[in-house]
C-alpha atoms as a PDB file:
ATOM      1  CA  MET A   1     -10.481  -3.864 -80.120  1.00  0.00           C
ATOM      2  CA  ILE A   2     -12.083  -7.504 -80.442  1.00  0.00           C
ATOM      3  CA  LYS A   3      -9.770  -9.964 -81.831  1.00  0.00           C
ATOM      4  CA  ASN A   4     -12.081 -12.466 -84.995  1.00  0.00           C
ATOM      5  CA  SER A   5     -11.582 -15.631 -84.078  1.00  0.00           C
ATOM      6  CA  GLU A   6     -11.360 -16.590 -87.786  1.00  0.00           C
ATOM      7  CA  ASN A   7      -8.240 -14.263 -88.220  1.00  0.00           C
ATOM      8  CA  LYS A   8      -6.323 -16.591 -85.918  1.00  0.00           C
ATOM      9  CA  PHE A   9      -3.539 -18.880 -86.199  1.00  0.00           C
ATOM     10  CA  THR A  10      -4.870 -22.059 -85.208  1.00  0.00           C
ATOM     11  CA  PHE A  11      -4.907 -25.664 -87.401  1.00  0.00           C
ATOM     12  CA  LYS A  12      -8.745 -25.428 -86.732  1.00  0.00           C
ATOM     13  CA  ASN A  13      -8.994 -22.400 -89.175  1.00  0.00           C
ATOM     14  CA  TYR A  14      -6.400 -23.110 -91.438  1.00  0.00           C
ATOM     15  CA  LEU A  15      -8.646 -26.163 -91.669  1.00  0.00           C
ATOM     16  CA  LYS A  16     -11.421 -24.369 -92.475  1.00  0.00           C
ATOM     17  CA  TYR A  17      -9.437 -22.006 -95.100  1.00  0.00           C
ATOM     18  CA  LEU A  18      -8.074 -25.270 -97.110  1.00  0.00           C
ATOM     19  CA  ARG A  19     -11.663 -26.179 -97.420  1.00  0.00           C
ATOM     20  CA  LYS A  20     -11.964 -22.521 -98.541  1.00  0.00           C
ATOM     21  CA  TYR A  21      -9.204 -22.614-101.211  1.00  0.00           C
ATOM     22  CA  TRP A  22     -10.654 -26.349-102.323  1.00  0.00           C
ATOM     23  CA  VAL A  23     -11.093 -24.964-106.632  1.00  0.00           C
ATOM     24  CA  LEU A  24      -7.247 -25.362-105.805  1.00  0.00           C
ATOM     25  CA  ILE A  25      -6.168 -28.086-104.374  1.00  0.00           C
ATOM     26  CA  VAL A  26      -8.534 -30.049-107.042  1.00  0.00           C
ATOM     27  CA  VAL A  27      -6.450 -28.124-109.750  1.00  0.00           C
ATOM     28  CA  PHE A  28      -3.325 -29.058-108.449  1.00  0.00           C
ATOM     29  CA  ALA A  29      -4.348 -33.185-107.865  1.00  0.00           C
ATOM     30  CA  VAL A  30      -5.771 -33.004-111.852  1.00  0.00           C
ATOM     31  CA  ILE A  31      -2.228 -31.637-112.822  1.00  0.00           C
ATOM     32  CA  GLY A  32      -0.252 -34.205-110.865  1.00  0.00           C
ATOM     33  CA  LEU A  33      -2.874 -36.840-112.565  1.00  0.00           C
ATOM     34  CA  ILE A  34      -1.824 -35.345-116.092  1.00  0.00           C
ATOM     35  CA  GLY A  35       1.839 -34.797-115.453  1.00  0.00           C
ATOM     36  CA  SER A  36       2.278 -38.822-114.509  1.00  0.00           C
ATOM     37  CA  TYR A  37       0.043 -40.006-117.599  1.00  0.00           C
ATOM     38  CA  ILE A  38       1.897 -37.983-120.153  1.00  0.00           C
ATOM     39  CA  TYR A  39       5.657 -39.315-118.468  1.00  0.00           C
ATOM     40  CA  ILE A  40       4.508 -43.253-118.218  1.00  0.00           C
ATOM     41  CA  SER A  41       2.666 -43.164-122.120  1.00  0.00           C
ATOM     42  CA  ASN A  42       6.034 -41.363-123.002  1.00  0.00           C
ATOM     43  CA  SER A  43       8.600 -43.648-121.238  1.00  0.00           C
ATOM     44  CA  LYS A  44       9.930 -46.323-123.321  1.00  0.00           C
ATOM     45  CA  VAL A  45       9.448 -49.861-121.494  1.00  0.00           C
ATOM     46  CA  THR A  46      13.194 -51.904-121.406  1.00  0.00           C
ATOM     47  CA  TYR A  47      13.642 -55.435-120.596  1.00  0.00           C
ATOM     48  CA  SER A  48      16.134 -56.806-118.619  1.00  0.00           C
ATOM     49  CA  ALA A  49      17.890 -60.330-118.508  1.00  0.00           C
ATOM     50  CA  ASN A  50      20.738 -61.166-116.148  1.00  0.00           C
ATOM     51  CA  LEU A  51      23.351 -64.163-116.507  1.00  0.00           C
ATOM     52  CA  LYS A  52      24.894 -65.114-112.998  1.00  0.00           C
ATOM     53  CA  VAL A  53      28.379 -66.355-113.358  1.00  0.00           C
ATOM     54  CA  MET A  54      31.360 -67.570-111.361  1.00  0.00           C
ATOM     55  CA  VAL A  55      34.928 -67.197-112.012  1.00  0.00           C
ATOM     56  CA  TYR A  56      37.568 -68.771-110.281  1.00  0.00           C
ATOM     57  CA  ASN A  57      41.160 -69.887-110.277  1.00  0.00           C
ATOM     58  CA  ALA A  58      43.112 -71.027-107.206  1.00  0.00           C
ATOM     59  CA  GLU A  59      46.562 -69.963-108.667  1.00  0.00           C
ATOM     60  CA  VAL A  60      45.238 -66.066-108.913  1.00  0.00           C
ATOM     61  CA  ASP A  61      42.921 -66.113-105.612  1.00  0.00           C
ATOM     62  CA  GLN A  62      45.443 -65.980-102.872  1.00  0.00           C
ATOM     63  CA  GLY A  63      42.977 -64.375 -99.965  1.00  0.00           C
ATOM     64  CA  ALA A  64      43.897 -60.496-101.225  1.00  0.00           C
ATOM     65  CA  ALA A  65      41.607 -57.820-100.016  1.00  0.00           C
ATOM     66  CA  VAL A  66      41.184 -56.542-103.578  1.00  0.00           C
ATOM     67  CA  SER A  67      39.176 -59.359-106.239  1.00  0.00           C
ATOM     68  CA  PRO A  68      41.890 -61.010-108.688  1.00  0.00           C
ATOM     69  CA  TYR A  69      38.728 -61.196-111.363  1.00  0.00           C
ATOM     70  CA  VAL A  70      38.154 -57.074-111.257  1.00  0.00           C
ATOM     71  CA  GLN A  71      39.516 -57.037-115.130  1.00  0.00           C
ATOM     72  CA  PHE A  72      37.031 -59.808-115.516  1.00  0.00           C
ATOM     73  CA  LYS A  73      34.189 -56.939-115.723  1.00  0.00           C
ATOM     74  CA  GLU A  74      35.960 -55.308-118.262  1.00  0.00           C
ATOM     75  CA  ILE A  75      35.975 -58.473-120.515  1.00  0.00           C
ATOM     76  CA  LEU A  76      31.985 -58.430-120.723  1.00  0.00           C
ATOM     77  CA  THR A  77      31.613 -55.014-121.333  1.00  0.00           C
ATOM     78  CA  SER A  78      34.234 -54.735-124.182  1.00  0.00           C
ATOM     79  CA  ASP A  79      32.868 -53.991-127.974  1.00  0.00           C
ATOM     80  CA  ILE A  80      35.769 -55.057-129.633  1.00  0.00           C
ATOM     81  CA  LEU A  81      36.234 -58.600-127.728  1.00  0.00           C
ATOM     82  CA  ILE A  82      32.199 -59.326-127.901  1.00  0.00           C
ATOM     83  CA  GLU A  83      31.832 -58.518-131.469  1.00  0.00           C
ATOM     84  CA  GLU A  84      34.891 -61.088-131.719  1.00  0.00           C
ATOM     85  CA  ARG A  85      34.107 -63.736-129.941  1.00  0.00           C
ATOM     86  CA  ILE A  86      30.674 -63.555-129.631  1.00  0.00           C
ATOM     87  CA  GLY A  87      29.325 -61.875-132.535  1.00  0.00           C
ATOM     88  CA  LEU A  88      26.644 -58.998-131.286  1.00  0.00           C
ATOM     89  CA  LYS A  89      28.059 -55.863-132.570  1.00  0.00           C
ATOM     90  CA  ASP A  90      27.430 -52.752-130.312  1.00  0.00           C
ATOM     91  CA  ILE A  91      26.012 -54.714-127.021  1.00  0.00           C
ATOM     92  CA  ALA A  92      29.036 -53.635-123.861  1.00  0.00           C
ATOM     93  CA  SER A  93      26.612 -50.179-124.077  1.00  0.00           C
ATOM     94  CA  HIS A  94      23.684 -52.297-123.245  1.00  0.00           C
ATOM     95  CA  ILE A  95      25.518 -54.655-120.948  1.00  0.00           C
ATOM     96  CA  GLU A  96      25.853 -54.337-117.112  1.00  0.00           C
ATOM     97  CA  VAL A  97      28.629 -56.156-115.008  1.00  0.00           C
ATOM     98  CA  LYS A  98      28.663 -56.568-111.469  1.00  0.00           C
ATOM     99  CA  GLU A  99      30.665 -58.534-109.107  1.00  0.00           C
ATOM    100  CA  SER A 100      28.519 -59.355-106.054  1.00  0.00           C
ATOM    101  CA  ASN A 101      31.057 -61.890-104.257  1.00  0.00           C
ATOM    102  CA  ARG A 102      34.459 -62.491-104.978  1.00  0.00           C
ATOM    103  CA  GLY A 103      34.423 -63.836-108.404  1.00  0.00           C
ATOM    104  CA  VAL A 104      30.399 -64.325-109.268  1.00  0.00           C
ATOM    105  CA  PHE A 105      29.695 -62.130-111.745  1.00  0.00           C
ATOM    106  CA  THR A 106      25.784 -60.764-112.637  1.00  0.00           C
ATOM    107  CA  ILE A 107      25.282 -59.886-116.338  1.00  0.00           C
ATOM    108  CA  THR A 108      22.323 -57.508-117.171  1.00  0.00           C
ATOM    109  CA  ASN A 109      21.634 -57.506-120.713  1.00  0.00           C
ATOM    110  CA  THR A 110      18.609 -54.249-121.338  1.00  0.00           C
ATOM    111  CA  GLU A 111      17.443 -54.121-124.591  1.00  0.00           C
ATOM    112  CA  SER A 112      13.898 -52.712-126.077  1.00  0.00           C
ATOM    113  CA  ASP A 113      13.085 -56.113-126.470  1.00  0.00           C
ATOM    114  CA  ALA A 114      12.204 -59.047-124.449  1.00  0.00           C
ATOM    115  CA  ASP A 115      12.990 -61.797-126.444  1.00  0.00           C
ATOM    116  CA  THR A 116      16.681 -59.726-127.737  1.00  0.00           C
ATOM    117  CA  ALA A 117      17.366 -59.228-124.151  1.00  0.00           C
ATOM    118  CA  VAL A 118      17.468 -63.015-123.399  1.00  0.00           C
ATOM    119  CA  GLU A 119      18.882 -64.718-126.412  1.00  0.00           C
ATOM    120  CA  ASN A 120      22.367 -62.068-126.522  1.00  0.00           C
ATOM    121  CA  ILE A 121      22.501 -63.799-121.887  1.00  0.00           C
ATOM    122  CA  LYS A 122      22.156 -66.810-123.783  1.00  0.00           C
ATOM    123  CA  LYS A 123      24.792 -66.194-126.193  1.00  0.00           C
ATOM    124  CA  ILE A 124      27.048 -64.234-123.725  1.00  0.00           C
ATOM    125  CA  SER A 125      26.567 -67.677-121.332  1.00  0.00           C
ATOM    126  CA  GLU A 126      27.708 -69.874-124.095  1.00  0.00           C
ATOM    127  CA  ASN A 127      30.543 -68.124-125.452  1.00  0.00           C
ATOM    128  CA  ILE A 128      32.039 -66.557-122.175  1.00  0.00           C
ATOM    129  CA  ARG A 129      34.393 -69.603-122.339  1.00  0.00           C
ATOM    130  CA  SER A 130      35.554 -67.770-125.339  1.00  0.00           C
ATOM    131  CA  LEU A 131      36.020 -64.587-124.000  1.00  0.00           C
ATOM    132  CA  VAL A 132      38.047 -65.616-121.257  1.00  0.00           C
ATOM    133  CA  ASP A 133      40.512 -67.665-123.653  1.00  0.00           C
ATOM    134  CA  GLY A 134      41.006 -64.936-125.607  1.00  0.00           C
ATOM    135  CA  VAL A 135      42.560 -62.743-123.171  1.00  0.00           C
ATOM    136  CA  TYR A 136      44.335 -64.970-121.221  1.00  0.00           C
ATOM    137  CA  SER A 137      47.130 -67.134-121.443  1.00  0.00           C
ATOM    138  CA  ASP A 138      46.161 -69.312-119.087  1.00  0.00           C
ATOM    139  CA  ALA A 139      42.341 -69.072-119.747  1.00  0.00           C
ATOM    140  CA  ASP A 140      42.304 -73.567-118.805  1.00  0.00           C
ATOM    141  CA  LYS A 141      43.091 -72.154-115.169  1.00  0.00           C
ATOM    142  CA  TYR A 142      40.173 -70.585-115.505  1.00  0.00           C
ATOM    143  CA  GLU A 143      36.807 -72.264-113.934  1.00  0.00           C
ATOM    144  CA  ILE A 144      33.134 -70.671-115.297  1.00  0.00           C
ATOM    145  CA  THR A 145      30.577 -71.957-113.919  1.00  0.00           C
ATOM    146  CA  ILE A 146      27.157 -70.672-114.919  1.00  0.00           C
ATOM    147  CA  LEU A 147      25.240 -69.904-111.531  1.00  0.00           C
ATOM    148  CA  GLN A 148      21.684 -68.999-113.250  1.00  0.00           C
ATOM    149  CA  ILE A 149      20.421 -67.232-116.275  1.00  0.00           C
ATOM    150  CA  ASP A 150      17.535 -65.643-117.184  1.00  0.00           C
ATOM    151  CA  GLN A 151      14.466 -67.394-119.587  1.00  0.00           C
ATOM    152  CA  GLN A 152      12.307 -64.589-119.931  1.00  0.00           C
ATOM    153  CA  ALA A 153      13.158 -60.605-119.220  1.00  0.00           C
ATOM    154  CA  ALA A 154      11.954 -58.750-116.830  1.00  0.00           C
ATOM    155  CA  ALA A 155      10.318 -54.816-117.483  1.00  0.00           C
ATOM    156  CA  SER A 156      11.584 -51.877-116.614  1.00  0.00           C
ATOM    157  CA  THR A 157       7.901 -51.252-115.431  1.00  0.00           C
ATOM    158  CA  ASN A 158       4.401 -52.493-114.822  1.00  0.00           C
ATOM    159  CA  LEU A 159       1.105 -51.326-114.356  1.00  0.00           C
ATOM    160  CA  LYS A 160       1.333 -51.230-110.709  1.00  0.00           C
ATOM    161  CA  LYS A 161       4.606 -49.406-110.306  1.00  0.00           C
ATOM    162  CA  ASP A 162       2.678 -47.030-112.787  1.00  0.00           C
ATOM    163  CA  ILE A 163       0.042 -46.584-110.657  1.00  0.00           C
ATOM    164  CA  PHE A 164       1.929 -45.301-107.465  1.00  0.00           C
ATOM    165  CA  MET A 165       3.559 -43.214-109.370  1.00  0.00           C
ATOM    166  CA  GLY A 166       0.865 -41.686-110.883  1.00  0.00           C
ATOM    167  CA  ILE A 167      -0.496 -41.728-106.724  1.00  0.00           C
ATOM    168  CA  VAL A 168       2.892 -40.747-106.097  1.00  0.00           C
ATOM    169  CA  ALA A 169       2.564 -37.330-108.005  1.00  0.00           C
ATOM    170  CA  THR A 170      -0.563 -36.297-107.082  1.00  0.00           C
ATOM    171  CA  PHE A 171      -0.191 -36.363-103.469  1.00  0.00           C
ATOM    172  CA  ALA A 172       2.706 -34.386-104.194  1.00  0.00           C
ATOM    173  CA  MET A 173       1.123 -31.317-106.183  1.00  0.00           C
ATOM    174  CA  VAL A 174      -1.634 -31.637-103.441  1.00  0.00           C
ATOM    175  CA  ALA A 175       0.339 -30.820-101.148  1.00  0.00           C
ATOM    176  CA  LEU A 176       1.937 -28.272-103.223  1.00  0.00           C
ATOM    177  CA  ALA A 177      -1.257 -26.745-102.974  1.00  0.00           C
ATOM    178  CA  ALA A 178      -1.627 -26.662 -99.461  1.00  0.00           C
ATOM    179  CA  VAL A 179       1.869 -24.985 -98.825  1.00  0.00           C
ATOM    180  CA  ILE A 180       0.862 -22.660-100.885  1.00  0.00           C
ATOM    181  CA  ILE A 181      -2.649 -21.904 -99.326  1.00  0.00           C
ATOM    182  CA  PHE A 182      -0.530 -22.596 -96.132  1.00  0.00           C
ATOM    183  CA  ILE A 183       1.269 -19.331 -96.955  1.00  0.00           C
ATOM    184  CA  LYS A 184      -1.261 -17.451 -98.204  1.00  0.00           C
ATOM    185  CA  PHE A 185      -2.959 -18.399 -94.655  1.00  0.00           C
ATOM    186  CA  ASP A 186      -0.249 -17.371 -92.528  1.00  0.00           C
ATOM    187  CA  PHE A 187       0.088 -13.561 -93.894  1.00  0.00           C
ATOM    188  CA  SER A 188      -3.389 -13.018 -93.393  1.00  0.00           C
ATOM    189  CA  THR A 189      -3.644 -13.830 -89.861  1.00  0.00           C
ATOM    190  CA  GLU A 190      -2.871 -12.189 -87.049  1.00  0.00           C
ATOM    191  CA  LYS A 191      -0.285 -13.304 -84.080  1.00  0.00           C
END
């Protein structure tokens, strides 16, 4: 019995098999391109503006293992306090506060409009003292320093990111096609 070299499980034969099913690979690549185009065109662009603030109180900051300013994050994400002290309604869900170092907070406002994000961050920076005054009885002992404020909002997406995502989606679909073809090739070869 003579074995056909086309039916052997080799990489060279697999590449020949791939060439045989090139239409399937092209179809999967087109599906990847169309899918990424639909996703990109339907995704909303959001804009984020940042404010970096340092809070310090010598009487509270005694070198404890946990930051004594943890509640500051809650103050900055309180709808009631922000509406009462700054006049911004329903903004707490658009604000993210992270403490990077002890007492150093990055406040990020994300909106659908770039100008709104920047305006809100500026309002927060102008009225941050008022927020602290409204919560602490010893607010005069808290030093608040604005370290950075964005003058322009950053978009959540850009053309470079969208093109990269389209390429990744296309390659993923081509890889899926290659796996499907490999499974078919595996069953059709002699081992």
